[in-house]
Amino acid sequence: MNRSIVFPYKKLFSDFVPIIDIKIRGPKRTIETEGFVDSGASTTIVQTKIAERLGIDYTKGRRDFTMIG
C-alpha cells in the first residue's frame, strides 16, 4: 500500500516550497508560525529569536554546525 502525505506549497521568492502552519510549544508560551517541510531532514532548525520567545535555553544544548542553502 502506498501511503503519501501531500503538503500545500507556497511561493517563496521564485520557488514553490512545502510550508505549513505549525504551533510550537515552549516553557514560556506557544507560538503559531509557519514551518518548512523537509521530509528527509534529521535536524530541526529554529531561529534564536523564536527560541527566546518560547523560553528555550538554547545555550545549554549541544552545538552542531550545519551548512544551509
Protein backbone atom coordinates (compact mmCIF):
# COMPACT_ATOMS: atom_id res chain seq x y z
CA MET A 1 0.00 0.00 0.00
CA ASN A 2 1.38 3.41 -0.96
CA ARG A 3 0.83 5.97 1.80
CA SER A 4 1.71 9.52 0.91
CA ILE A 5 1.19 12.81 2.63
CA VAL A 6 0.61 15.81 0.42
CA PHE A 7 1.65 19.23 1.72
CA PRO A 8 0.42 22.58 0.44
CA TYR A 9 3.05 24.57 -1.45
CA LYS A 10 3.57 28.32 -1.08
CA LYS A 11 5.62 30.64 -3.24
CA LEU A 12 8.88 31.66 -1.56
CA PHE A 13 10.88 34.03 -3.73
CA SER A 14 10.85 32.34 -7.15
CA ASP A 15 10.16 28.77 -5.95
CA PHE A 16 7.20 26.88 -4.56
CA VAL A 17 8.05 25.02 -1.34
CA PRO A 18 6.08 22.94 1.20
CA ILE A 19 5.29 25.34 4.05
CA ILE A 20 2.65 24.51 6.66
CA ASP A 21 1.10 26.32 9.61
CA ILE A 22 2.51 24.99 12.91
CA LYS A 23 2.31 25.58 16.66
CA ILE A 24 5.50 25.36 18.72
CA ARG A 25 5.23 24.93 22.49
CA GLY A 26 7.95 26.01 24.88
CA PRO A 27 8.26 26.53 28.63
CA LYS A 28 7.06 30.16 28.40
CA ARG A 29 4.44 30.11 25.65
CA THR A 30 3.11 28.61 22.46
CA ILE A 31 3.52 30.46 19.18
CA GLU A 32 1.90 29.97 15.81
CA THR A 33 4.15 30.29 12.78
CA GLU A 34 4.95 28.57 9.51
CA GLY A 35 7.35 25.69 9.05
CA PHE A 36 9.22 24.38 6.01
CA VAL A 37 8.60 20.67 5.49
CA ASP A 38 11.78 18.74 4.73
CA SER A 39 10.74 15.10 4.82
CA GLY A 40 14.36 13.89 4.62
CA ALA A 41 15.72 16.09 7.41
CA SER A 42 17.20 14.67 10.59
CA THR A 43 17.63 18.09 12.25
CA THR A 44 15.19 20.82 13.26
CA ILE A 45 16.37 24.39 12.91
CA VAL A 46 14.81 27.19 14.97
CA GLN A 47 15.86 30.82 14.93
CA THR A 48 17.29 32.10 18.21
CA LYS A 49 14.64 34.83 18.45
CA ILE A 50 11.90 32.18 18.34
CA ALA A 51 13.69 30.03 20.94
CA GLU A 52 13.92 33.09 23.21
CA ARG A 53 10.20 33.87 22.79
CA LEU A 54 9.39 30.27 23.70
CA GLY A 55 11.65 30.34 26.76
CA ILE A 56 14.04 27.69 25.44
CA ASP A 57 17.59 27.98 26.79
CA TYR A 58 19.42 27.05 23.59
CA THR A 59 22.82 27.82 25.17
CA LYS A 60 22.66 24.59 27.23
CA GLY A 61 22.26 22.26 24.25
CA ARG A 62 24.86 20.57 22.12
CA ARG A 63 26.21 22.85 19.40
CA ASP A 64 26.14 21.48 15.87
CA PHE A 65 27.23 23.41 12.82
CA THR A 66 25.33 22.72 9.61
CA MET A 67 25.55 24.37 6.20
CA ILE A 68 22.19 25.52 4.89
CA GLY A 69 21.46 26.62 1.36
